PDB file of N, CA and C in Angstrom:
ATOM      1  N   MET A   1     160.335  72.541 183.389  1.00  0.00           N
ATOM      2  CA  MET A   1     160.013  71.545 184.368  1.00  0.00           C
ATOM      3  C   MET A   1     159.248  70.389 183.717  1.00  0.00           C
ATOM      4  N   PHE A   2     158.351  70.725 182.793  1.00  0.00           N
ATOM      5  CA  PHE A   2     157.547  69.674 182.165  1.00  0.00           C
ATOM      6  C   PHE A   2     158.411  68.630 181.480  1.00  0.00           C
ATOM      7  N   GLU A   3     159.450  69.077 180.776  1.00  0.00           N
ATOM      8  CA  GLU A   3     160.313  68.134 180.055  1.00  0.00           C
ATOM      9  C   GLU A   3     161.000  67.160 180.996  1.00  0.00           C
ATOM     10  N   LYS A   4     161.363  67.625 182.190  1.00  0.00           N
ATOM     11  CA  LYS A   4     162.110  66.780 183.118  1.00  0.00           C
ATOM     12  C   LYS A   4     161.228  65.975 184.061  1.00  0.00           C
ATOM     13  N   THR A   5     159.996  66.454 184.321  1.00  0.00           N
ATOM     14  CA  THR A   5     159.170  65.797 185.330  1.00  0.00           C
ATOM     15  C   THR A   5     157.797  65.348 184.831  1.00  0.00           C
ATOM     16  N   GLY A   6     157.345  65.907 183.721  1.00  0.00           N
ATOM     17  CA  GLY A   6     155.998  65.615 183.255  1.00  0.00           C
ATOM     18  C   GLY A   6     154.937  66.465 183.940  1.00  0.00           C
ATOM     19  N   LEU A   7     155.361  67.330 184.866  1.00  0.00           N
ATOM     20  CA  LEU A   7     154.429  68.217 185.567  1.00  0.00           C
ATOM     21  C   LEU A   7     154.529  69.628 185.000  1.00  0.00           C
ATOM     22  N   SER A   8     153.376  70.255 184.822  1.00  0.00           N
ATOM     23  CA  SER A   8     153.367  71.664 184.446  1.00  0.00           C
ATOM     24  C   SER A   8     153.568  72.497 185.707  1.00  0.00           C
ATOM     25  N   GLU A   9     153.775  73.785 185.530  1.00  0.00           N
ATOM     26  CA  GLU A   9     153.891  74.663 186.696  1.00  0.00           C
ATOM     27  C   GLU A   9     152.600  74.642 187.508  1.00  0.00           C
ATOM     28  N   GLY A  10     151.462  74.588 186.823  1.00  0.00           N
ATOM     29  CA  GLY A  10     150.178  74.509 187.515  1.00  0.00           C
ATOM     30  C   GLY A  10     150.048  73.224 188.318  1.00  0.00           C
ATOM     31  N   ASP A  11     150.448  72.101 187.710  1.00  0.00           N
ATOM     32  CA  ASP A  11     150.428  70.819 188.428  1.00  0.00           C
ATOM     33  C   ASP A  11     151.256  70.917 189.700  1.00  0.00           C
ATOM     34  N   PHE A  12     152.464  71.452 189.556  1.00  0.00           N
ATOM     35  CA  PHE A  12     153.371  71.557 190.700  1.00  0.00           C
ATOM     36  C   PHE A  12     152.757  72.438 191.787  1.00  0.00           C
ATOM     37  N   GLY A  13     152.194  73.576 191.403  1.00  0.00           N
ATOM     38  CA  GLY A  13     151.592  74.483 192.379  1.00  0.00           C
ATOM     39  C   GLY A  13     150.454  73.830 193.144  1.00  0.00           C
ATOM     40  N   ILE A  14     149.624  73.094 192.451  1.00  0.00           N
ATOM     41  CA  ILE A  14     148.505  72.405 193.097  1.00  0.00           C
ATOM     42  C   ILE A  14     149.013  71.316 194.027  1.00  0.00           C
ATOM     43  N   LEU A  15     149.911  70.474 193.531  1.00  0.00           N
ATOM     44  CA  LEU A  15     150.424  69.372 194.352  1.00  0.00           C
ATOM     45  C   LEU A  15     151.178  69.885 195.569  1.00  0.00           C
ATOM     46  N   ASP A  16     151.946  70.947 195.378  1.00  0.00           N
ATOM     47  CA  ASP A  16     152.715  71.508 196.485  1.00  0.00           C
ATOM     48  C   ASP A  16     151.775  72.024 197.584  1.00  0.00           C
ATOM     49  N   ARG A  17     150.710  72.706 197.201  1.00  0.00           N
ATOM     50  CA  ARG A  17     149.750  73.216 198.187  1.00  0.00           C
ATOM     51  C   ARG A  17     149.040  72.073 198.911  1.00  0.00           C
ATOM     52  N   LEU A  18     148.642  71.050 198.150  1.00  0.00           N
ATOM     53  CA  LEU A  18     147.959  69.914 198.777  1.00  0.00           C
ATOM     54  C   LEU A  18     148.882  69.171 199.725  1.00  0.00           C
ATOM     55  N   ASP A  19     150.144  69.062 199.357  1.00  0.00           N
ATOM     56  CA  ASP A  19     151.106  68.400 200.240  1.00  0.00           C
ATOM     57  C   ASP A  19     151.313  69.213 201.518  1.00  0.00           C
ATOM     58  N   LEU A  20     151.328  70.508 201.379  1.00  0.00           N
ATOM     59  CA  LEU A  20     151.554  71.394 202.525  1.00  0.00           C
ATOM     60  C   LEU A  20     150.338  71.473 203.445  1.00  0.00           C
ATOM     61  N   TYR A  21     149.153  71.617 202.874  1.00  0.00           N
ATOM     62  CA  TYR A  21     147.945  71.858 203.657  1.00  0.00           C
ATOM     63  C   TYR A  21     147.036  70.646 203.821  1.00  0.00           C
ATOM     64  N   GLY A  22     147.316  69.559 203.111  1.00  0.00           N
ATOM     65  CA  GLY A  22     146.420  68.403 203.169  1.00  0.00           C
ATOM     66  C   GLY A  22     145.233  68.617 202.252  1.00  0.00           C
ATOM     67  N   ARG A  23     144.099  68.135 202.651  1.00  0.00           N
ATOM     68  CA  ARG A  23     142.880  68.297 201.856  1.00  0.00           C
ATOM     69  C   ARG A  23     142.482  69.768 201.822  1.00  0.00           C
ATOM     70  N   LEU A  24     142.163  70.242 200.640  1.00  0.00           N
ATOM     71  CA  LEU A  24     141.702  71.624 200.507  1.00  0.00           C
ATOM     72  C   LEU A  24     140.382  71.642 199.758  1.00  0.00           C
ATOM     73  N   ARG A  25     139.505  72.535 200.183  1.00  0.00           N
ATOM     74  CA  ARG A  25     138.288  72.759 199.401  1.00  0.00           C
ATOM     75  C   ARG A  25     138.715  73.279 198.031  1.00  0.00           C
ATOM     76  N   GLN A  26     137.974  72.888 197.020  1.00  0.00           N
ATOM     77  CA  GLN A  26     138.328  73.303 195.668  1.00  0.00           C
ATOM     78  C   GLN A  26     138.373  74.829 195.564  1.00  0.00           C
ATOM     79  N   GLN A  27     137.449  75.523 196.206  1.00  0.00           N
ATOM     80  CA  GLN A  27     137.440  76.983 196.144  1.00  0.00           C
ATOM     81  C   GLN A  27     138.657  77.577 196.846  1.00  0.00           C
ATOM     82  N   GLU A  28     139.065  76.994 197.978  1.00  0.00           N
ATOM     83  CA  GLU A  28     140.267  77.470 198.685  1.00  0.00           C
ATOM     84  C   GLU A  28     141.504  77.293 197.804  1.00  0.00           C
ATOM     85  N   LEU A  29     141.567  76.164 197.112  1.00  0.00           N
ATOM     86  CA  LEU A  29     142.688  75.899 196.213  1.00  0.00           C
ATOM     87  C   LEU A  29     142.696  76.904 195.067  1.00  0.00           C
ATOM     88  N   ALA A  30     141.536  77.165 194.486  1.00  0.00           N
ATOM     89  CA  ALA A  30     141.438  78.146 193.396  1.00  0.00           C
ATOM     90  C   ALA A  30     141.895  79.519 193.877  1.00  0.00           C
ATOM     91  N   ASP A  31     141.434  79.910 195.074  1.00  0.00           N
ATOM     92  CA  ASP A  31     141.814  81.210 195.623  1.00  0.00           C
ATOM     93  C   ASP A  31     143.321  81.286 195.863  1.00  0.00           C
ATOM     94  N   SER A  32     143.924  80.216 196.382  1.00  0.00           N
ATOM     95  CA  SER A  32     145.357  80.228 196.674  1.00  0.00           C
ATOM     96  C   SER A  32     146.200  80.285 195.405  1.00  0.00           C
ATOM     97  N   MET A  33     145.656  79.789 194.303  1.00  0.00           N
ATOM     98  CA  MET A  33     146.365  79.811 193.024  1.00  0.00           C
ATOM     99  C   MET A  33     146.059  81.092 192.238  1.00  0.00           C
ATOM    100  N   ASP A  34     145.070  81.867 192.713  1.00  0.00           N
ATOM    101  CA  ASP A  34     144.564  83.034 191.997  1.00  0.00           C
ATOM    102  C   ASP A  34     144.042  82.621 190.622  1.00  0.00           C
ATOM    103  N   TRP A  35     143.325  81.489 190.608  1.00  0.00           N
ATOM    104  CA  TRP A  35     142.702  80.947 189.404  1.00  0.00           C
ATOM    105  C   TRP A  35     141.198  81.034 189.553  1.00  0.00           C
ATOM    106  N   THR A  36     140.494  81.073 188.427  1.00  0.00           N
ATOM    107  CA  THR A  36     139.040  80.985 188.468  1.00  0.00           C
ATOM    108  C   THR A  36     138.647  79.552 188.821  1.00  0.00           C
ATOM    109  N   LYS A  37     137.439  79.415 189.318  1.00  0.00           N
ATOM    110  CA  LYS A  37     136.938  78.080 189.665  1.00  0.00           C
ATOM    111  C   LYS A  37     136.911  77.185 188.423  1.00  0.00           C
ATOM    112  N   SER A  38     136.532  77.758 187.295  1.00  0.00           N
ATOM    113  CA  SER A  38     136.453  77.000 186.049  1.00  0.00           C
ATOM    114  C   SER A  38     137.828  76.519 185.598  1.00  0.00           C
ATOM    115  N   ARG A  39     138.815  77.407 185.627  1.00  0.00           N
ATOM    116  CA  ARG A  39     140.170  77.026 185.221  1.00  0.00           C
ATOM    117  C   ARG A  39     140.694  75.896 186.095  1.00  0.00           C
ATOM    118  N   LEU A  40     140.503  76.024 187.417  1.00  0.00           N
ATOM    119  CA  LEU A  40     140.974  74.974 188.321  1.00  0.00           C
ATOM    120  C   LEU A  40     140.236  73.674 188.057  1.00  0.00           C
ATOM    121  N   SER A  41     138.948  73.741 187.858  1.00  0.00           N
ATOM    122  CA  SER A  41     138.154  72.535 187.628  1.00  0.00           C
ATOM    123  C   SER A  41     138.653  71.772 186.400  1.00  0.00           C
ATOM    124  N   HIS A  42     138.910  72.472 185.323  1.00  0.00           N
ATOM    125  CA  HIS A  42     139.420  71.826 184.107  1.00  0.00           C
ATOM    126  C   HIS A  42     140.805  71.225 184.354  1.00  0.00           C
ATOM    127  N   HIS A  43     141.631  71.955 185.070  1.00  0.00           N
ATOM    128  CA  HIS A  43     142.981  71.473 185.350  1.00  0.00           C
ATOM    129  C   HIS A  43     142.924  70.230 186.244  1.00  0.00           C
ATOM    130  N   LEU A  44     142.081  70.257 187.263  1.00  0.00           N
ATOM    131  CA  LEU A  44     141.961  69.106 188.152  1.00  0.00           C
ATOM    132  C   LEU A  44     141.427  67.880 187.420  1.00  0.00           C
ATOM    133  N   THR A  45     140.544  68.077 186.455  1.00  0.00           N
ATOM    134  CA  THR A  45     140.043  66.950 185.656  1.00  0.00           C
ATOM    135  C   THR A  45     141.195  66.256 184.947  1.00  0.00           C
ATOM    136  N   ARG A  46     142.099  67.041 184.360  1.00  0.00           N
ATOM    137  CA  ARG A  46     143.261  66.448 183.681  1.00  0.00           C
ATOM    138  C   ARG A  46     144.181  65.745 184.689  1.00  0.00           C
ATOM    139  N   MET A  47     144.355  66.356 185.855  1.00  0.00           N
ATOM    140  CA  MET A  47     145.217  65.761 186.876  1.00  0.00           C
ATOM    141  C   MET A  47     144.604  64.473 187.436  1.00  0.00           C
ATOM    142  N   GLU A  48     143.292  64.438 187.584  1.00  0.00           N
ATOM    143  CA  GLU A  48     142.621  63.224 188.047  1.00  0.00           C
ATOM    144  C   GLU A  48     142.826  62.077 187.062  1.00  0.00           C
ATOM    145  N   LYS A  49     142.740  62.380 185.770  1.00  0.00           N
ATOM    146  CA  LYS A  49     142.932  61.347 184.745  1.00  0.00           C
ATOM    147  C   LYS A  49     144.331  60.752 184.809  1.00  0.00           C
ATOM    148  N   ARG A  50     145.294  61.554 185.273  1.00  0.00           N
ATOM    149  CA  ARG A  50     146.681  61.082 185.400  1.00  0.00           C
ATOM    150  C   ARG A  50     146.944  60.465 186.778  1.00  0.00           C
ATOM    151  N   GLY A  51     145.939  60.445 187.644  1.00  0.00           N
ATOM    152  CA  GLY A  51     146.061  59.818 188.952  1.00  0.00           C
ATOM    153  C   GLY A  51     146.783  60.654 189.996  1.00  0.00           C
ATOM    154  N   LEU A  52     146.927  61.967 189.761  1.00  0.00           N
ATOM    155  CA  LEU A  52     147.684  62.823 190.670  1.00  0.00           C
ATOM    156  C   LEU A  52     146.860  63.330 191.848  1.00  0.00           C
ATOM    157  N   VAL A  53     145.560  63.520 191.633  1.00  0.00           N
ATOM    158  CA  VAL A  53     144.675  64.045 192.677  1.00  0.00           C
ATOM    159  C   VAL A  53     143.335  63.317 192.630  1.00  0.00           C
ATOM    160  N   LEU A  54     142.596  63.473 193.712  1.00  0.00           N
ATOM    161  CA  LEU A  54     141.212  63.011 193.791  1.00  0.00           C
ATOM    162  C   LEU A  54     140.350  64.172 194.245  1.00  0.00           C
ATOM    163  N   ARG A  55     139.109  64.186 193.782  1.00  0.00           N
ATOM    164  CA  ARG A  55     138.129  65.143 194.296  1.00  0.00           C
ATOM    165  C   ARG A  55     137.017  64.349 194.954  1.00  0.00           C
ATOM    166  N   GLU A  56     136.667  64.767 196.158  1.00  0.00           N
ATOM    167  CA  GLU A  56     135.599  64.095 196.899  1.00  0.00           C
ATOM    168  C   GLU A  56     134.617  65.135 197.416  1.00  0.00           C
ATOM    169  N   PRO A  57     133.334  64.793 197.419  1.00  0.00           N
ATOM    170  CA  PRO A  57     132.366  65.726 198.006  1.00  0.00           C
ATOM    171  C   PRO A  57     132.580  65.824 199.512  1.00  0.00           C
ATOM    172  N   ILE A  58     132.294  66.984 200.062  1.00  0.00           N
ATOM    173  CA  ILE A  58     132.366  67.183 201.507  1.00  0.00           C
ATOM    174  C   ILE A  58     131.031  66.716 202.074  1.00  0.00           C
ATOM    175  N   GLU A  59     131.084  65.757 202.986  1.00  0.00           N
ATOM    176  CA  GLU A  59     129.859  65.127 203.480  1.00  0.00           C
ATOM    177  C   GLU A  59     128.980  66.062 204.293  1.00  0.00           C
ATOM    178  N   THR A  60     129.573  66.938 205.073  1.00  0.00           N
ATOM    179  CA  THR A  60     128.790  67.755 206.001  1.00  0.00           C
ATOM    180  C   THR A  60     128.272  69.047 205.393  1.00  0.00           C
ATOM    181  N   GLU A  61     128.706  69.378 204.192  1.00  0.00           N
ATOM    182  CA  GLU A  61     128.278  70.632 203.568  1.00  0.00           C
ATOM    183  C   GLU A  61     128.478  70.551 202.068  1.00  0.00           C
ATOM    184  N   ARG A  62     128.008  71.581 201.371  1.00  0.00           N
ATOM    185  CA  ARG A  62     128.226  71.639 199.924  1.00  0.00           C
ATOM    186  C   ARG A  62     129.681  71.931 199.638  1.00  0.00           C
ATOM    187  N   GLY A  63     130.190  71.358 198.594  1.00  0.00           N
ATOM    188  CA  GLY A  63     131.552  71.639 198.184  1.00  0.00           C
ATOM    189  C   GLY A  63     132.319  70.367 197.900  1.00  0.00           C
ATOM    190  N   VAL A  64     133.504  70.576 197.375  1.00  0.00           N
ATOM    191  CA  VAL A  64     134.383  69.476 196.992  1.00  0.00           C
ATOM    192  C   VAL A  64     135.743  69.723 197.611  1.00  0.00           C
ATOM    193  N   GLN A  65     136.348  68.647 198.095  1.00  0.00           N
ATOM    194  CA  GLN A  65     137.720  68.761 198.592  1.00  0.00           C
ATOM    195  C   GLN A  65     138.644  68.043 197.625  1.00  0.00           C
ATOM    196  N   VAL A  66     139.861  68.556 197.524  1.00  0.00           N
ATOM    197  CA  VAL A  66     140.862  68.001 196.622  1.00  0.00           C
ATOM    198  C   VAL A  66     141.951  67.363 197.481  1.00  0.00           C
ATOM    199  N   ILE A  67     142.374  66.181 197.071  1.00  0.00           N
ATOM    200  CA  ILE A  67     143.330  65.387 197.842  1.00  0.00           C
ATOM    201  C   ILE A  67     144.456  64.930 196.914  1.00  0.00           C
ATOM    202  N   ILE A  68     145.686  65.018 197.385  1.00  0.00           N
ATOM    203  CA  ILE A  68     146.823  64.493 196.626  1.00  0.00           C
ATOM    204  C   ILE A  68     146.851  62.970 196.785  1.00  0.00           C
ATOM    205  N   THR A  69     147.132  62.264 195.712  1.00  0.00           N
ATOM    206  CA  THR A  69     147.242  60.802 195.757  1.00  0.00           C
ATOM    207  C   THR A  69     148.697  60.404 195.993  1.00  0.00           C
ATOM    208  N   SER A  70     148.930  59.133 196.208  1.00  0.00           N
ATOM    209  CA  SER A  70     150.309  58.659 196.360  1.00  0.00           C
ATOM    210  C   SER A  70     151.094  58.869 195.067  1.00  0.00           C
ATOM    211  N   VAL A  71     150.439  58.735 193.920  1.00  0.00           N
ATOM    212  CA  VAL A  71     151.085  59.006 192.629  1.00  0.00           C
ATOM    213  C   VAL A  71     151.450  60.484 192.537  1.00  0.00           C
ATOM    214  N   GLY A  72     150.543  61.343 192.977  1.00  0.00           N
ATOM    215  CA  GLY A  72     150.808  62.781 192.982  1.00  0.00           C
ATOM    216  C   GLY A  72     151.955  63.144 193.901  1.00  0.00           C
ATOM    217  N   LYS A  73     152.013  62.505 195.064  1.00  0.00           N
ATOM    218  CA  LYS A  73     153.085  62.759 196.031  1.00  0.00           C
ATOM    219  C   LYS A  73     154.438  62.325 195.449  1.00  0.00           C
ATOM    220  N   LEU A  74     154.483  61.186 194.801  1.00  0.00           N
ATOM    221  CA  LEU A  74     155.736  60.731 194.171  1.00  0.00           C
ATOM    222  C   LEU A  74     156.176  61.687 193.067  1.00  0.00           C
ATOM    223  N   ALA A  75     155.220  62.135 192.251  1.00  0.00           N
ATOM    224  CA  ALA A  75     155.543  63.080 191.173  1.00  0.00           C
ATOM    225  C   ALA A  75     156.076  64.387 191.755  1.00  0.00           C
ATOM    226  N   LEU A  76     155.458  64.854 192.840  1.00  0.00           N
ATOM    227  CA  LEU A  76     155.907  66.074 193.498  1.00  0.00           C
ATOM    228  C   LEU A  76     157.311  65.907 194.066  1.00  0.00           C
ATOM    229  N   ASP A  77     157.553  64.794 194.727  1.00  0.00           N
ATOM    230  CA  ASP A  77     158.883  64.526 195.296  1.00  0.00           C
ATOM    231  C   ASP A  77     159.951  64.468 194.207  1.00  0.00           C
ATOM    232  N   ASP A  78     159.605  63.912 193.040  1.00  0.00           N
ATOM    233  CA  ASP A  78     160.553  63.853 191.919  1.00  0.00           C
ATOM    234  C   ASP A  78     160.806  65.243 191.326  1.00  0.00           C
ATOM    235  N   ALA A  79     159.790  66.115 191.386  1.00  0.00           N
ATOM    236  CA  ALA A  79     159.909  67.444 190.783  1.00  0.00           C
ATOM    237  C   ALA A  79     160.623  68.456 191.670  1.00  0.00           C
ATOM    238  N   ARG A  80     160.564  68.272 192.966  1.00  0.00           N
ATOM    239  CA  ARG A  80     161.151  69.274 193.873  1.00  0.00           C
ATOM    240  C   ARG A  80     162.632  69.535 193.618  1.00  0.00           C
ATOM    241  N   PRO A  81     163.479  68.518 193.416  1.00  0.00           N
ATOM    242  CA  PRO A  81     164.887  68.826 193.121  1.00  0.00           C
ATOM    243  C   PRO A  81     165.063  69.610 191.823  1.00  0.00           C
ATOM    244  N   VAL A  82     164.225  69.347 190.835  1.00  0.00           N
ATOM    245  CA  VAL A  82     164.303  70.065 189.559  1.00  0.00           C
ATOM    246  C   VAL A  82     163.956  71.536 189.786  1.00  0.00           C
ATOM    247  N   VAL A  83     162.918  71.785 190.574  1.00  0.00           N
ATOM    248  CA  VAL A  83     162.511  73.157 190.872  1.00  0.00           C
ATOM    249  C   VAL A  83     163.594  73.857 191.689  1.00  0.00           C
ATOM    250  N   SER A  84     164.152  73.162 192.665  1.00  0.00           N
ATOM    251  CA  SER A  84     165.223  73.745 193.487  1.00  0.00           C
ATOM    252  C   SER A  84     166.428  74.133 192.637  1.00  0.00           C
ATOM    253  N   MET A  85     166.808  73.261 191.716  1.00  0.00           N
ATOM    254  CA  MET A  85     167.948  73.565 190.842  1.00  0.00           C
ATOM    255  C   MET A  85     167.645  74.768 189.954  1.00  0.00           C
ATOM    256  N   ALA A  86     166.417  74.875 189.462  1.00  0.00           N
ATOM    257  CA  ALA A  86     166.040  76.010 188.611  1.00  0.00           C
ATOM    258  C   ALA A  86     166.060  77.311 189.408  1.00  0.00           C
ATOM    259  N   ILE A  87     165.575  77.278 190.645  1.00  0.00           N
ATOM    260  CA  ILE A  87     165.608  78.481 191.490  1.00  0.00           C
ATOM    261  C   ILE A  87     167.040  78.914 191.721  1.00  0.00           C
ATOM    262  N   ARG A  88     167.905  77.946 191.985  1.00  0.00           N
ATOM    263  CA  ARG A  88     169.312  78.267 192.201  1.00  0.00           C
ATOM    264  C   ARG A  88     169.927  78.846 190.932  1.00  0.00           C
ATOM    265  N   GLU A  89     169.723  78.177 189.797  1.00  0.00           N
ATOM    266  CA  GLU A  89     170.358  78.596 188.537  1.00  0.00           C
ATOM    267  C   GLU A  89     169.853  79.945 188.031  1.00  0.00           C
ATOM    268  N   TYR A  90     168.530  80.144 188.079  1.00  0.00           N
ATOM    269  CA  TYR A  90     167.946  81.328 187.458  1.00  0.00           C
ATOM    270  C   TYR A  90     167.687  82.482 188.422  1.00  0.00           C
ATOM    271  N   PHE A  91     167.934  82.271 189.732  1.00  0.00           N
ATOM    272  CA  PHE A  91     167.706  83.346 190.685  1.00  0.00           C
ATOM    273  C   PHE A  91     168.875  83.487 191.653  1.00  0.00           C
ATOM    274  N   LEU A  92     169.080  82.509 192.494  1.00  0.00           N
ATOM    275  CA  LEU A  92     170.070  82.646 193.568  1.00  0.00           C
ATOM    276  C   LEU A  92     171.490  82.861 193.055  1.00  0.00           C
ATOM    277  N   ASP A  93     171.884  82.114 192.033  1.00  0.00           N
ATOM    278  CA  ASP A  93     173.249  82.258 191.504  1.00  0.00           C
ATOM    279  C   ASP A  93     173.484  83.613 190.844  1.00  0.00           C
ATOM    280  N   LEU A  94     172.415  84.328 190.528  1.00  0.00           N
ATOM    281  CA  LEU A  94     172.544  85.625 189.871  1.00  0.00           C
ATOM    282  C   LEU A  94     172.640  86.787 190.856  1.00  0.00           C
ATOM    283  N   LEU A  95     172.401  86.499 192.140  1.00  0.00           N
ATOM    284  CA  LEU A  95     172.446  87.547 193.148  1.00  0.00           C
ATOM    285  C   LEU A  95     173.877  87.961 193.462  1.00  0.00           C
ATOM    286  N   THR A  96     174.068  89.248 193.605  1.00  0.00           N
ATOM    287  CA  THR A  96     175.369  89.764 194.036  1.00  0.00           C
ATOM    288  C   THR A  96     175.372  89.822 195.570  1.00  0.00           C
ATOM    289  N   GLU A  97     176.538  90.088 196.133  1.00  0.00           N
ATOM    290  CA  GLU A  97     176.621  90.256 197.592  1.00  0.00           C
ATOM    291  C   GLU A  97     175.737  91.413 198.042  1.00  0.00           C
ATOM    292  N   GLN A  98     175.702  92.472 197.239  1.00  0.00           N
ATOM    293  CA  GLN A  98     174.852  93.631 197.558  1.00  0.00           C
ATOM    294  C   GLN A  98     173.373  93.233 197.536  1.00  0.00           C
ATOM    295  N   ASP A  99     172.967  92.424 196.556  1.00  0.00           N
ATOM    296  CA  ASP A  99     171.584  91.948 196.495  1.00  0.00           C
ATOM    297  C   ASP A  99     171.236  91.163 197.765  1.00  0.00           C
ATOM    298  N   ILE A 100     172.125  90.270 198.153  1.00  0.00           N
ATOM    299  CA  ILE A 100     171.893  89.439 199.335  1.00  0.00           C
ATOM    300  C   ILE A 100     171.786  90.307 200.583  1.00  0.00           C
ATOM    301  N   GLU A 101     172.640  91.298 200.677  1.00  0.00           N
ATOM    302  CA  GLU A 101     172.601  92.216 201.820  1.00  0.00           C
ATOM    303  C   GLU A 101     171.279  92.981 201.853  1.00  0.00           C
ATOM    304  N   SER A 102     170.827  93.453 200.699  1.00  0.00           N
ATOM    305  CA  SER A 102     169.559  94.188 200.627  1.00  0.00           C
ATOM    306  C   SER A 102     168.382  93.296 201.023  1.00  0.00           C
ATOM    307  N   ILE A 103     168.359  92.077 200.513  1.00  0.00           N
ATOM    308  CA  ILE A 103     167.279  91.139 200.844  1.00  0.00           C
ATOM    309  C   ILE A 103     167.293  90.818 202.334  1.00  0.00           C
ATOM    310  N   THR A 104     168.478  90.606 202.889  1.00  0.00           N
ATOM    311  CA  THR A 104     168.606  90.319 204.310  1.00  0.00           C
ATOM    312  C   THR A 104     168.104  91.479 205.149  1.00  0.00           C
ATOM    313  N   ASN A 105     168.457  92.709 204.766  1.00  0.00           N
ATOM    314  CA  ASN A 105     167.988  93.886 205.493  1.00  0.00           C
ATOM    315  C   ASN A 105     166.475  94.022 205.432  1.00  0.00           C
ATOM    316  N   LEU A 106     165.904  93.770 204.256  1.00  0.00           N
ATOM    317  CA  LEU A 106     164.439  93.831 204.128  1.00  0.00           C
ATOM    318  C   LEU A 106     163.771  92.769 204.990  1.00  0.00           C
ATOM    319  N   ALA A 107     164.332  91.583 204.993  1.00  0.00           N
ATOM    320  CA  ALA A 107     163.752  90.495 205.804  1.00  0.00           C
ATOM    321  C   ALA A 107     163.811  90.836 207.283  1.00  0.00           C
ATOM    322  N   GLU A 108     164.910  91.400 207.722  1.00  0.00           N
ATOM    323  CA  GLU A 108     165.050  91.771 209.140  1.00  0.00           C
ATOM    324  C   GLU A 108     164.063  92.875 209.515  1.00  0.00           C
ATOM    325  N   ARG A 109     163.848  93.821 208.607  1.00  0.00           N
ATOM    326  CA  ARG A 109     162.883  94.890 208.871  1.00  0.00           C
ATOM    327  C   ARG A 109     161.457  94.365 208.993  1.00  0.00           C
ATOM    328  N   THR A 110     161.123  93.394 208.170  1.00  0.00           N
ATOM    329  CA  THR A 110     159.758  92.870 208.204  1.00  0.00           C
ATOM    330  C   THR A 110     159.520  91.993 209.430  1.00  0.00           C
ATOM    331  N   LYS A 111     160.580  91.433 209.996  1.00  0.00           N
ATOM    332  CA  LYS A 111     160.453  90.645 211.230  1.00  0.00           C
ATOM    333  C   LYS A 111     160.101  91.530 212.409  1.00  0.00           C
ATOM    334  N   ALA A 112     160.600  92.735 212.391  1.00  0.00           N
ATOM    335  CA  ALA A 112     160.445  93.651 213.548  1.00  0.00           C
ATOM    336  C   ALA A 112     159.085  94.262 213.649  1.00  0.00           C
TER     337      ALA A 112
END
């Protein structure tokens, strides 16, 4: 993905979550990525330098919220087709009819 979009998998995961949920507390973002606070902080510093995200203090309490920028949103939009094609090529196209049937049955069971 990096070669085609300039985004790492970590960049994509962060931007995708911010696009989906809006502003997130830095700790919530770290928890959703299953990353340590330190790892996320270092990664966000690099992303801020590239203009992909902003970090702002939360006015009413302690903490920092992370926000996707317009540059980050454009980068994410450019990366989504690349990710979709990779999912299709390396996962979906490899499924047999039996695999699809098994996945469908599992999904139906979990709905009930």
